[in-house]
Protein backbone atom coordinates (compact mmCIF):
# COMPACT_ATOMS: atom_id res chain seq x y z
CA MET A 1 -4.76 13.37 -11.43
CA SER A 2 -4.25 16.03 -14.02
CA GLU A 3 -5.41 15.64 -17.60
CA ILE A 4 -2.76 14.49 -20.08
CA ARG A 5 -2.98 15.25 -23.82
CA ILE A 6 -1.01 12.93 -26.12
CA PRO A 7 -0.76 13.90 -29.80
CA LEU A 8 -1.56 11.09 -32.26
CA ARG A 9 -1.58 10.87 -36.06
CA GLU A 10 -5.30 11.57 -36.35
CA GLY A 11 -5.90 13.70 -33.28
CA THR A 12 -5.23 13.78 -29.55
CA LEU A 13 -5.67 11.15 -26.85
CA ILE A 14 -6.91 12.82 -23.67
CA CYS A 15 -6.76 10.88 -20.44
CA PRO A 16 -7.44 11.94 -16.86
CA GLY A 17 -3.85 11.08 -15.89
CA PHE A 18 -2.21 7.76 -15.21
CA ARG A 19 -2.51 5.66 -12.05
CA ILE A 20 -0.94 2.75 -10.17
CA GLN A 21 -2.17 0.36 -7.50
CA ALA A 22 -0.85 0.57 -3.95
CA GLN A 23 -1.83 -0.98 -0.66
CA PRO A 24 -3.31 1.48 1.82
CA GLU A 25 -1.91 1.79 5.32
CA PRO A 26 -3.92 -0.79 7.29
CA SER A 27 -5.80 0.48 10.32
CA LEU A 28 -7.44 -1.89 12.76
CA ALA A 29 -9.40 1.04 14.17
CA ILE A 30 -11.19 1.43 10.84
CA ASP A 31 -11.04 -1.99 9.23
CA GLY A 32 -11.03 -4.27 12.24
CA ASP A 33 -9.42 -6.97 10.10
CA LEU A 34 -5.71 -6.52 9.45
CA LEU A 35 -5.52 -9.31 6.84
CA TRP A 36 -8.41 -7.79 4.87
CA ALA A 37 -6.73 -4.38 5.00
CA LEU A 38 -3.44 -5.79 3.69
CA GLU A 39 -5.18 -7.53 0.77
CA GLN A 40 -6.96 -4.40 -0.44
CA SER A 41 -5.45 -2.08 -2.99
CA GLN A 42 -6.33 1.39 -4.14
CA TRP A 43 -5.62 3.40 -7.26
CA CYS A 44 -3.19 6.27 -6.76
CA PRO A 45 -2.09 9.00 -9.19
CA LEU A 46 1.11 8.15 -11.08
CA LEU A 47 3.29 11.14 -11.93
CA VAL A 48 4.78 10.91 -15.42
CA SER A 49 6.72 12.97 -17.92
CA LEU A 50 5.63 13.26 -21.56
CA GLN A 51 8.28 13.84 -24.24
CA GLU A 52 8.42 13.84 -27.99
CA ARG A 53 11.44 11.76 -29.01
CA ASP A 54 12.43 9.73 -32.08
CA GLY A 55 9.28 10.86 -33.88
CA GLY A 56 6.95 9.55 -31.17
CA GLN A 57 5.40 10.40 -27.82
CA TRP A 58 7.05 8.80 -24.78
CA VAL A 59 5.47 8.57 -21.33
CA THR A 60 7.86 7.86 -18.46
CA PRO A 61 6.83 7.31 -14.83
CA LEU A 62 8.81 9.59 -12.53
CA PRO A 63 11.10 7.77 -10.05
CA LEU A 64 9.47 6.30 -6.94
CA ALA A 65 11.15 8.92 -4.75
CA GLN A 66 9.29 11.66 -6.69
CA GLN A 67 5.85 10.03 -6.49
CA ALA A 68 3.70 11.90 -3.99
CA GLY A 69 0.41 10.00 -4.16
CA PHE A 70 1.46 6.79 -2.40
CA ASP A 71 4.04 5.18 -0.12
CA PRO A 72 6.72 3.70 -2.41
CA HIS A 73 6.95 0.63 -0.15
CA ARG A 74 3.28 -0.16 -0.74
CA VAL A 75 3.21 0.06 -4.54
CA ILE A 76 2.01 -3.00 -6.48
CA GLY A 77 3.73 -3.91 -9.76
CA TRP A 78 6.10 -0.95 -10.13
CA ARG A 79 7.39 -0.49 -13.69
CA ASP A 80 9.48 2.55 -14.48
CA GLU A 81 10.39 1.87 -18.10
CA PRO A 82 9.25 4.50 -20.62
CA VAL A 83 6.35 3.66 -22.95
CA ARG A 84 6.28 4.81 -26.54
CA ILE A 85 2.68 5.58 -27.42
CA GLU A 86 2.30 3.88 -30.80
CA GLN A 87 -0.30 3.56 -33.53
CA PRO A 88 0.81 0.42 -35.39
CA ASP A 89 -0.26 0.31 -39.04
CA GLY A 90 -2.67 -2.42 -40.10
CA VAL A 91 -3.71 -3.43 -36.58
CA GLU A 92 -7.50 -3.39 -36.56
CA ASP A 93 -8.51 -6.21 -34.21
CA ALA A 94 -7.37 -8.11 -31.11
CA GLU A 95 -5.68 -10.94 -33.04
CA ALA A 96 -3.61 -8.53 -35.14
CA ALA A 97 -2.75 -6.58 -31.97
CA ILE A 98 -1.47 -9.71 -30.24
CA HIS A 99 0.67 -10.62 -33.26
CA TRP A 100 2.07 -7.08 -33.39
CA TRP A 101 2.66 -6.98 -29.62
CA ARG A 102 4.43 -10.35 -29.42
CA GLY A 103 6.06 -10.27 -32.84
CA GLY A 104 3.94 -13.14 -34.15
CA SER A 105 4.14 -15.34 -31.05
CA VAL A 106 0.74 -15.78 -29.45
CA GLU A 107 1.33 -18.74 -27.15
CA ASP A 108 0.45 -18.15 -23.52
CA VAL A 109 -1.04 -14.72 -24.21
CA ARG A 110 -4.22 -13.89 -22.36
CA GLY A 111 -6.37 -11.07 -23.63
CA ARG A 112 -9.52 -9.43 -22.34
CA VAL A 113 -11.63 -6.92 -24.23
CA SER A 114 -13.78 -4.34 -22.48
CA HIS A 115 -16.16 -1.92 -24.16
CA HIS A 116 -16.30 1.80 -23.39
CA SER A 117 -18.08 4.83 -24.81
CA TRP A 118 -14.94 5.74 -26.83
CA GLY A 119 -14.33 2.21 -28.22
CA ARG A 120 -12.65 -1.01 -26.99
CA LEU A 121 -9.76 -1.71 -24.64
CA LEU A 122 -7.64 -4.85 -25.08
CA ARG A 123 -5.75 -5.86 -21.94
CA LEU A 124 -2.96 -8.37 -22.68
CA GLU A 125 -0.87 -10.49 -20.34
CA GLY A 126 1.77 -13.12 -20.95
CA PRO A 127 4.30 -15.14 -18.94
CA GLY A 128 6.47 -12.71 -17.00
CA ILE A 129 4.68 -9.75 -18.57
CA GLY A 130 2.25 -7.66 -16.57
CA PRO A 131 -0.81 -6.12 -18.15
CA GLU A 132 -0.31 -4.13 -21.36
CA HIS A 133 -3.05 -2.09 -23.00
CA ILE A 134 -4.10 -1.45 -26.59
CA LEU A 135 -6.96 0.91 -27.39
CA PHE A 136 -9.32 0.60 -30.35
CA PRO A 137 -11.07 3.99 -30.40
CA ARG A 138 -13.99 4.45 -32.78
CA GLY A 139 -12.92 6.37 -35.88
CA HIS A 140 -9.18 6.24 -35.07
CA GLY A 141 -6.32 3.78 -35.52
CA CYS A 142 -5.46 1.54 -32.59
CA VAL A 143 -3.21 3.01 -29.89
CA TYR A 144 -0.66 1.09 -27.80
CA VAL A 145 -0.25 2.53 -24.29
CA GLY A 146 1.81 -0.31 -22.81
CA HIS A 147 1.80 -0.88 -19.07
CA LEU A 148 0.26 2.51 -18.33
CA ASP A 149 -3.13 2.45 -16.61
CA THR A 150 -5.84 5.09 -16.28
CA ASP A 151 -9.55 5.38 -15.63
CA TRP A 152 -10.45 3.94 -19.03
CA ARG A 153 -14.04 5.21 -18.82
CA GLN A 154 -12.83 8.81 -18.94
CA LEU A 155 -10.64 8.60 -22.06
CA ARG A 156 -11.45 10.94 -24.93
CA PHE A 157 -10.17 11.36 -28.47
CA GLU A 158 -10.19 14.71 -30.23
CA PRO A 159 -9.81 14.67 -34.02
CA ILE A 160 -7.43 17.11 -35.68
CA SER A 161 -9.45 20.21 -36.57
């Protein structure tokens, strides 16, 4: 994956690239257990375009036919809709993030917080909605990155100099 730099209000979000899960090609010669091989998934690089539009940064996965890192027939949870990287005002904790994300409706929303060297990651899921991600980096406003996924441990934030 190649590093992606996304301008924010207070600096730059730097991620190692985005990724998606896909099933590997099962091989009985290696695995010996076809069912086990089919149930495993691996992270593969997701090719995206980054554009500034409507006063914001938009990340769009390239079409499946243009993805080189995995077999399109083996992808898990394909979503090709563009994501506007947002920094919502006044969102400082998980509860406020859920209200912002669902427009005030919090029923049936599951959230999980994980801690990283750069801050906290809130992973949200709801009925019919796959995982969505909101970052709470130390010293910066929260950042919505939608359905995009990356190696969260390697995120960095650079302040405006």
